[in-house]
Amino acid sequence: MAQQSFQARLGPPPMSADDAACRACSGQMRAHWQERPHARLMVVASTPVVEVFGGGVETRYLCLECGHTLMHSTGRFGQGWH
């Protein structure tokens, strides 16, 4: 029986041919700031942010479907999905 070779997939998923966000990411960018991330978003980094009038957390997500990177901010300035 011949052995199969398995290739490890390294790096982020490939972007679509036209660099368009998938339907879930497009909806996420328009979502309310308190909305939870969609199922195919993976946390890449989460950093506390210190601001003069209160802090927050900025979390970067990578979409496993289309390869887009989304940012979620909970700070006083710039709350929401970006």
PDB file of N, CA and C in Angstrom:
ATOM      1  N   MET A   1       0.841  -1.175   0.000  1.00  0.00           N
ATOM      2  CA  MET A   1       0.000   0.000   0.000  1.00  0.00           C
ATOM      3  C   MET A   1       0.892   1.246   0.000  1.00  0.00           C
ATOM      4  N   ALA A   2       0.622   2.156  -0.907  1.00  0.00           N
ATOM      5  CA  ALA A   2       1.424   3.368  -1.027  1.00  0.00           C
ATOM      6  C   ALA A   2       1.072   4.344   0.089  1.00  0.00           C
ATOM      7  N   GLN A   3       2.105   5.015   0.593  1.00  0.00           N
ATOM      8  CA  GLN A   3       1.869   6.008   1.631  1.00  0.00           C
ATOM      9  C   GLN A   3       1.428   7.317   1.000  1.00  0.00           C
ATOM     10  N   GLN A   4       0.528   7.988   1.695  1.00  0.00           N
ATOM     11  CA  GLN A   4       0.069   9.289   1.225  1.00  0.00           C
ATOM     12  C   GLN A   4       0.913  10.367   1.886  1.00  0.00           C
ATOM     13  N   SER A   5       1.233  11.387   1.125  1.00  0.00           N
ATOM     14  CA  SER A   5       1.970  12.503   1.725  1.00  0.00           C
ATOM     15  C   SER A   5       0.969  13.588   2.114  1.00  0.00           C
ATOM     16  N   PHE A   6       1.133  14.077   3.311  1.00  0.00           N
ATOM     17  CA  PHE A   6       0.252  15.127   3.812  1.00  0.00           C
ATOM     18  C   PHE A   6       1.053  16.416   3.904  1.00  0.00           C
ATOM     19  N   GLN A   7       0.524  17.470   3.348  1.00  0.00           N
ATOM     20  CA  GLN A   7       1.189  18.761   3.416  1.00  0.00           C
ATOM     21  C   GLN A   7       0.548  19.584   4.520  1.00  0.00           C
ATOM     22  N   ALA A   8       1.392  20.167   5.352  1.00  0.00           N
ATOM     23  CA  ALA A   8       0.884  21.057   6.395  1.00  0.00           C
ATOM     24  C   ALA A   8       0.566  22.402   5.759  1.00  0.00           C
ATOM     25  N   ARG A   9      -0.587  22.924   6.090  1.00  0.00           N
ATOM     26  CA  ARG A   9      -0.982  24.225   5.557  1.00  0.00           C
ATOM     27  C   ARG A   9      -0.458  25.303   6.498  1.00  0.00           C
ATOM     28  N   LEU A  10       0.489  26.081   6.006  1.00  0.00           N
ATOM     29  CA  LEU A  10       1.099  27.116   6.823  1.00  0.00           C
ATOM     30  C   LEU A  10       0.558  28.486   6.440  1.00  0.00           C
ATOM     31  N   GLY A  11       0.495  29.377   7.416  1.00  0.00           N
ATOM     32  CA  GLY A  11       0.070  30.742   7.159  1.00  0.00           C
ATOM     33  C   GLY A  11      -1.436  30.881   7.139  1.00  0.00           C
ATOM     34  N   PRO A  12      -1.893  32.106   6.869  1.00  0.00           N
ATOM     35  CA  PRO A  12      -3.326  32.369   6.854  1.00  0.00           C
ATOM     36  C   PRO A  12      -3.990  31.731   5.644  1.00  0.00           C
ATOM     37  N   PRO A  13      -5.296  31.547   5.698  1.00  0.00           N
ATOM     38  CA  PRO A  13      -5.983  30.997   4.536  1.00  0.00           C
ATOM     39  C   PRO A  13      -5.857  31.955   3.353  1.00  0.00           C
ATOM     40  N   PRO A  14      -5.890  31.441   2.144  1.00  0.00           N
ATOM     41  CA  PRO A  14      -5.738  32.315   0.986  1.00  0.00           C
ATOM     42  C   PRO A  14      -6.928  33.254   0.852  1.00  0.00           C
ATOM     43  N   MET A  15      -6.660  34.479   0.394  1.00  0.00           N
ATOM     44  CA  MET A  15      -7.743  35.421   0.129  1.00  0.00           C
ATOM     45  C   MET A  15      -8.473  34.961  -1.123  1.00  0.00           C
ATOM     46  N   SER A  16      -9.712  35.386  -1.264  1.00  0.00           N
ATOM     47  CA  SER A  16     -10.460  35.048  -2.465  1.00  0.00           C
ATOM     48  C   SER A  16      -9.829  35.755  -3.662  1.00  0.00           C
ATOM     49  N   ALA A  17     -10.173  35.315  -4.856  1.00  0.00           N
ATOM     50  CA  ALA A  17      -9.559  35.850  -6.071  1.00  0.00           C
ATOM     51  C   ALA A  17      -9.761  37.360  -6.200  1.00  0.00           C
ATOM     52  N   ASP A  18     -10.914  37.874  -5.758  1.00  0.00           N
ATOM     53  CA  ASP A  18     -11.164  39.310  -5.878  1.00  0.00           C
ATOM     54  C   ASP A  18     -10.982  40.044  -4.542  1.00  0.00           C
ATOM     55  N   ASP A  19     -10.378  39.397  -3.566  1.00  0.00           N
ATOM     56  CA  ASP A  19     -10.128  39.962  -2.237  1.00  0.00           C
ATOM     57  C   ASP A  19     -11.403  40.406  -1.519  1.00  0.00           C
ATOM     58  N   ALA A  20     -12.521  39.825  -1.872  1.00  0.00           N
ATOM     59  CA  ALA A  20     -13.791  40.186  -1.238  1.00  0.00           C
ATOM     60  C   ALA A  20     -13.950  39.426   0.077  1.00  0.00           C
ATOM     61  N   ALA A  21     -14.524  40.099   1.050  1.00  0.00           N
ATOM     62  CA  ALA A  21     -14.819  39.451   2.328  1.00  0.00           C
ATOM     63  C   ALA A  21     -15.982  38.483   2.130  1.00  0.00           C
ATOM     64  N   CYS A  22     -15.971  37.403   2.890  1.00  0.00           N
ATOM     65  CA  CYS A  22     -17.088  36.463   2.818  1.00  0.00           C
ATOM     66  C   CYS A  22     -18.339  37.126   3.396  1.00  0.00           C
ATOM     67  N   ARG A  23     -19.476  36.511   3.202  1.00  0.00           N
ATOM     68  CA  ARG A  23     -20.747  37.074   3.664  1.00  0.00           C
ATOM     69  C   ARG A  23     -20.753  37.283   5.175  1.00  0.00           C
ATOM     70  N   ALA A  24     -20.175  36.341   5.918  1.00  0.00           N
ATOM     71  CA  ALA A  24     -20.148  36.449   7.383  1.00  0.00           C
ATOM     72  C   ALA A  24     -19.288  37.635   7.829  1.00  0.00           C
ATOM     73  N   CYS A  25     -18.135  37.869   7.187  1.00  0.00           N
ATOM     74  CA  CYS A  25     -17.268  39.000   7.546  1.00  0.00           C
ATOM     75  C   CYS A  25     -17.926  40.328   7.179  1.00  0.00           C
ATOM     76  N   SER A  26     -18.580  40.378   6.033  1.00  0.00           N
ATOM     77  CA  SER A  26     -19.274  41.602   5.639  1.00  0.00           C
ATOM     78  C   SER A  26     -20.343  41.964   6.659  1.00  0.00           C
ATOM     79  N   GLY A  27     -21.067  40.957   7.129  1.00  0.00           N
ATOM     80  CA  GLY A  27     -22.079  41.189   8.157  1.00  0.00           C
ATOM     81  C   GLY A  27     -21.461  41.572   9.488  1.00  0.00           C
ATOM     82  N   GLN A  28     -20.314  40.986   9.802  1.00  0.00           N
ATOM     83  CA  GLN A  28     -19.650  41.270  11.068  1.00  0.00           C
ATOM     84  C   GLN A  28     -19.185  42.720  11.120  1.00  0.00           C
ATOM     85  N   MET A  29     -18.712  43.254  10.004  1.00  0.00           N
ATOM     86  CA  MET A  29     -18.237  44.638   9.969  1.00  0.00           C
ATOM     87  C   MET A  29     -19.367  45.639  10.190  1.00  0.00           C
ATOM     88  N   ARG A  30     -20.612  45.222   9.901  1.00  0.00           N
ATOM     89  CA  ARG A  30     -21.769  46.098  10.116  1.00  0.00           C
ATOM     90  C   ARG A  30     -22.485  45.806  11.430  1.00  0.00           C
ATOM     91  N   ALA A  31     -22.001  44.833  12.174  1.00  0.00           N
ATOM     92  CA  ALA A  31     -22.665  44.404  13.406  1.00  0.00           C
ATOM     93  C   ALA A  31     -22.473  45.416  14.536  1.00  0.00           C
ATOM     94  N   HIS A  32     -23.381  45.357  15.501  1.00  0.00           N
ATOM     95  CA  HIS A  32     -23.282  46.178  16.709  1.00  0.00           C
ATOM     96  C   HIS A  32     -21.997  45.821  17.434  1.00  0.00           C
ATOM     97  N   TRP A  33     -21.395  46.774  18.153  1.00  0.00           N
ATOM     98  CA  TRP A  33     -20.101  46.539  18.792  1.00  0.00           C
ATOM     99  C   TRP A  33     -20.137  45.427  19.825  1.00  0.00           C
ATOM    100  N   GLN A  34     -21.309  45.140  20.398  1.00  0.00           N
ATOM    101  CA  GLN A  34     -21.413  44.078  21.400  1.00  0.00           C
ATOM    102  C   GLN A  34     -21.656  42.697  20.785  1.00  0.00           C
ATOM    103  N   GLU A  35     -21.823  42.645  19.485  1.00  0.00           N
ATOM    104  CA  GLU A  35     -22.092  41.372  18.798  1.00  0.00           C
ATOM    105  C   GLU A  35     -20.888  40.433  18.897  1.00  0.00           C
ATOM    106  N   ARG A  36     -21.168  39.161  19.106  1.00  0.00           N
ATOM    107  CA  ARG A  36     -20.104  38.157  19.191  1.00  0.00           C
ATOM    108  C   ARG A  36     -19.514  37.894  17.802  1.00  0.00           C
ATOM    109  N   PRO A  37     -18.252  37.448  17.728  1.00  0.00           N
ATOM    110  CA  PRO A  37     -17.647  37.142  16.423  1.00  0.00           C
ATOM    111  C   PRO A  37     -18.321  35.935  15.767  1.00  0.00           C
ATOM    112  N   HIS A  38     -18.326  35.934  14.431  1.00  0.00           N
ATOM    113  CA  HIS A  38     -18.935  34.786  13.741  1.00  0.00           C
ATOM    114  C   HIS A  38     -18.077  33.533  13.923  1.00  0.00           C
ATOM    115  N   ALA A  39     -18.639  32.398  13.605  1.00  0.00           N
ATOM    116  CA  ALA A  39     -18.049  31.095  13.939  1.00  0.00           C
ATOM    117  C   ALA A  39     -16.695  30.823  13.295  1.00  0.00           C
ATOM    118  N   ARG A  40     -16.380  31.427  12.159  1.00  0.00           N
ATOM    119  CA  ARG A  40     -15.128  31.140  11.457  1.00  0.00           C
ATOM    120  C   ARG A  40     -14.009  32.139  11.770  1.00  0.00           C
ATOM    121  N   LEU A  41     -14.216  33.005  12.787  1.00  0.00           N
ATOM    122  CA  LEU A  41     -13.166  33.948  13.185  1.00  0.00           C
ATOM    123  C   LEU A  41     -12.307  33.339  14.288  1.00  0.00           C
ATOM    124  N   MET A  42     -11.003  33.439  14.125  1.00  0.00           N
ATOM    125  CA  MET A  42     -10.045  32.917  15.091  1.00  0.00           C
ATOM    126  C   MET A  42      -9.269  34.085  15.692  1.00  0.00           C
ATOM    127  N   VAL A  43      -9.106  34.095  17.009  1.00  0.00           N
ATOM    128  CA  VAL A  43      -8.359  35.161  17.684  1.00  0.00           C
ATOM    129  C   VAL A  43      -6.888  35.048  17.324  1.00  0.00           C
ATOM    130  N   VAL A  44      -6.313  36.165  16.857  1.00  0.00           N
ATOM    131  CA  VAL A  44      -4.899  36.216  16.525  1.00  0.00           C
ATOM    132  C   VAL A  44      -4.130  36.917  17.642  1.00  0.00           C
ATOM    133  N   ALA A  45      -4.682  38.034  18.139  1.00  0.00           N
ATOM    134  CA  ALA A  45      -4.026  38.789  19.205  1.00  0.00           C
ATOM    135  C   ALA A  45      -5.075  39.570  19.984  1.00  0.00           C
ATOM    136  N   SER A  46      -4.815  39.750  21.258  1.00  0.00           N
ATOM    137  CA  SER A  46      -5.689  40.545  22.112  1.00  0.00           C
ATOM    138  C   SER A  46      -4.807  41.400  23.010  1.00  0.00           C
ATOM    139  N   THR A  47      -5.020  42.720  22.966  1.00  0.00           N
ATOM    140  CA  THR A  47      -4.151  43.650  23.671  1.00  0.00           C
ATOM    141  C   THR A  47      -4.976  44.633  24.487  1.00  0.00           C
ATOM    142  N   PRO A  48      -4.655  44.786  25.780  1.00  0.00           N
ATOM    143  CA  PRO A  48      -5.325  45.834  26.550  1.00  0.00           C
ATOM    144  C   PRO A  48      -4.840  47.202  26.090  1.00  0.00           C
ATOM    145  N   VAL A  49      -5.757  48.163  26.049  1.00  0.00           N
ATOM    146  CA  VAL A  49      -5.439  49.512  25.612  1.00  0.00           C
ATOM    147  C   VAL A  49      -5.694  50.456  26.780  1.00  0.00           C
ATOM    148  N   VAL A  50      -4.712  51.288  27.101  1.00  0.00           N
ATOM    149  CA  VAL A  50      -4.841  52.254  28.182  1.00  0.00           C
ATOM    150  C   VAL A  50      -5.111  53.618  27.561  1.00  0.00           C
ATOM    151  N   GLU A  51      -6.224  54.220  27.964  1.00  0.00           N
ATOM    152  CA  GLU A  51      -6.587  55.546  27.479  1.00  0.00           C
ATOM    153  C   GLU A  51      -6.757  56.475  28.669  1.00  0.00           C
ATOM    154  N   VAL A  52      -6.729  57.755  28.427  1.00  0.00           N
ATOM    155  CA  VAL A  52      -6.828  58.745  29.498  1.00  0.00           C
ATOM    156  C   VAL A  52      -8.126  58.604  30.285  1.00  0.00           C
ATOM    157  N   PHE A  53      -9.247  58.402  29.602  1.00  0.00           N
ATOM    158  CA  PHE A  53     -10.543  58.344  30.270  1.00  0.00           C
ATOM    159  C   PHE A  53     -11.112  56.934  30.334  1.00  0.00           C
ATOM    160  N   GLY A  54     -10.274  55.933  30.405  1.00  0.00           N
ATOM    161  CA  GLY A  54     -10.732  54.548  30.482  1.00  0.00           C
ATOM    162  C   GLY A  54     -10.099  53.724  29.389  1.00  0.00           C
ATOM    163  N   GLY A  55      -9.913  52.485  29.651  1.00  0.00           N
ATOM    164  CA  GLY A  55      -9.258  51.609  28.690  1.00  0.00           C
ATOM    165  C   GLY A  55     -10.224  50.645  28.046  1.00  0.00           C
ATOM    166  N   GLY A  56      -9.672  49.711  27.352  1.00  0.00           N
ATOM    167  CA  GLY A  56     -10.458  48.695  26.682  1.00  0.00           C
ATOM    168  C   GLY A  56      -9.537  47.601  26.187  1.00  0.00           C
ATOM    169  N   VAL A  57     -10.065  46.794  25.308  1.00  0.00           N
ATOM    170  CA  VAL A  57      -9.302  45.694  24.731  1.00  0.00           C
ATOM    171  C   VAL A  57      -9.482  45.727  23.222  1.00  0.00           C
ATOM    172  N   GLU A  58      -8.382  45.588  22.497  1.00  0.00           N
ATOM    173  CA  GLU A  58      -8.438  45.447  21.048  1.00  0.00           C
ATOM    174  C   GLU A  58      -8.065  44.016  20.707  1.00  0.00           C
ATOM    175  N   THR A  59      -8.951  43.338  20.003  1.00  0.00           N
ATOM    176  CA  THR A  59      -8.739  41.945  19.634  1.00  0.00           C
ATOM    177  C   THR A  59      -8.740  41.835  18.122  1.00  0.00           C
ATOM    178  N   ARG A  60      -7.706  41.181  17.590  1.00  0.00           N
ATOM    179  CA  ARG A  60      -7.587  40.964  16.153  1.00  0.00           C
ATOM    180  C   ARG A  60      -8.022  39.546  15.839  1.00  0.00           C
ATOM    181  N   TYR A  61      -8.864  39.398  14.823  1.00  0.00           N
ATOM    182  CA  TYR A  61      -9.378  38.097  14.395  1.00  0.00           C
ATOM    183  C   TYR A  61      -8.984  37.835  12.951  1.00  0.00           C
ATOM    184  N   LEU A  62      -8.785  36.564  12.619  1.00  0.00           N
ATOM    185  CA  LEU A  62      -8.523  36.133  11.248  1.00  0.00           C
ATOM    186  C   LEU A  62      -9.664  35.223  10.830  1.00  0.00           C
ATOM    187  N   CYS A  63     -10.249  35.491   9.673  1.00  0.00           N
ATOM    188  CA  CYS A  63     -11.340  34.650   9.170  1.00  0.00           C
ATOM    189  C   CYS A  63     -10.749  33.416   8.492  1.00  0.00           C
ATOM    190  N   LEU A  64     -11.176  32.263   8.933  1.00  0.00           N
ATOM    191  CA  LEU A  64     -10.685  31.012   8.356  1.00  0.00           C
ATOM    192  C   LEU A  64     -11.353  30.696   7.018  1.00  0.00           C
ATOM    193  N   GLU A  65     -12.379  31.446   6.677  1.00  0.00           N
ATOM    194  CA  GLU A  65     -13.101  31.243   5.428  1.00  0.00           C
ATOM    195  C   GLU A  65     -12.487  32.050   4.277  1.00  0.00           C
ATOM    196  N   CYS A  66     -12.292  33.367   4.507  1.00  0.00           N
ATOM    197  CA  CYS A  66     -11.845  34.236   3.405  1.00  0.00           C
ATOM    198  C   CYS A  66     -10.471  34.862   3.624  1.00  0.00           C
ATOM    199  N   GLY A  67      -9.910  34.761   4.837  1.00  0.00           N
ATOM    200  CA  GLY A  67      -8.586  35.293   5.097  1.00  0.00           C
ATOM    201  C   GLY A  67      -8.542  36.745   5.544  1.00  0.00           C
ATOM    202  N   HIS A  68      -9.701  37.399   5.676  1.00  0.00           N
ATOM    203  CA  HIS A  68      -9.715  38.793   6.116  1.00  0.00           C
ATOM    204  C   HIS A  68      -9.365  38.894   7.599  1.00  0.00           C
ATOM    205  N   THR A  69      -8.793  40.037   7.980  1.00  0.00           N
ATOM    206  CA  THR A  69      -8.488  40.325   9.374  1.00  0.00           C
ATOM    207  C   THR A  69      -9.462  41.382   9.865  1.00  0.00           C
ATOM    208  N   LEU A  70     -10.118  41.099  10.977  1.00  0.00           N
ATOM    209  CA  LEU A  70     -11.056  42.044  11.583  1.00  0.00           C
ATOM    210  C   LEU A  70     -10.538  42.438  12.957  1.00  0.00           C
ATOM    211  N   MET A  71     -10.838  43.654  13.356  1.00  0.00           N
ATOM    212  CA  MET A  71     -10.429  44.165  14.667  1.00  0.00           C
ATOM    213  C   MET A  71     -11.691  44.501  15.452  1.00  0.00           C
ATOM    214  N   HIS A  72     -11.702  44.111  16.721  1.00  0.00           N
ATOM    215  CA  HIS A  72     -12.805  44.461  17.616  1.00  0.00           C
ATOM    216  C   HIS A  72     -12.249  45.290  18.761  1.00  0.00           C
ATOM    217  N   SER A  73     -12.835  46.479  18.976  1.00  0.00           N
ATOM    218  CA  SER A  73     -12.381  47.385  20.022  1.00  0.00           C
ATOM    219  C   SER A  73     -13.476  47.571  21.058  1.00  0.00           C
ATOM    220  N   THR A  74     -13.090  47.530  22.334  1.00  0.00           N
ATOM    221  CA  THR A  74     -14.053  47.781  23.406  1.00  0.00           C
ATOM    222  C   THR A  74     -13.740  49.067  24.138  1.00  0.00           C
ATOM    223  N   GLY A  75     -12.742  49.799  23.698  1.00  0.00           N
ATOM    224  CA  GLY A  75     -12.353  51.051  24.343  1.00  0.00           C
ATOM    225  C   GLY A  75     -13.387  52.144  24.159  1.00  0.00           C
ATOM    226  N   ARG A  76     -13.186  53.214  24.866  1.00  0.00           N
ATOM    227  CA  ARG A  76     -14.119  54.338  24.836  1.00  0.00           C
ATOM    228  C   ARG A  76     -14.180  54.980  23.444  1.00  0.00           C
ATOM    229  N   PHE A  77     -13.053  55.046  22.758  1.00  0.00           N
ATOM    230  CA  PHE A  77     -13.000  55.643  21.421  1.00  0.00           C
ATOM    231  C   PHE A  77     -12.814  54.525  20.394  1.00  0.00           C
ATOM    232  N   GLY A  78     -13.654  54.500  19.389  1.00  0.00           N
ATOM    233  CA  GLY A  78     -13.522  53.497  18.335  1.00  0.00           C
ATOM    234  C   GLY A  78     -14.099  52.143  18.682  1.00  0.00           C
ATOM    235  N   GLN A  79     -15.143  52.124  19.509  1.00  0.00           N
ATOM    236  CA  GLN A  79     -15.779  50.851  19.856  1.00  0.00           C
ATOM    237  C   GLN A  79     -16.353  50.206  18.605  1.00  0.00           C
ATOM    238  N   GLY A  80     -16.269  48.899  18.543  1.00  0.00           N
ATOM    239  CA  GLY A  80     -16.935  48.181  17.464  1.00  0.00           C
ATOM    240  C   GLY A  80     -16.012  47.308  16.644  1.00  0.00           C
ATOM    241  N   TRP A  81     -16.566  46.879  15.512  1.00  0.00           N
ATOM    242  CA  TRP A  81     -15.861  46.014  14.560  1.00  0.00           C
ATOM    243  C   TRP A  81     -15.268  46.868  13.469  1.00  0.00           C
ATOM    244  N   HIS A  82     -14.006  46.648  13.166  1.00  0.00           N
ATOM    245  CA  HIS A  82     -13.308  47.405  12.123  1.00  0.00           C
ATOM    246  C   HIS A  82     -12.643  46.435  11.171  1.00  0.00           C
TER     247      HIS A  82
END
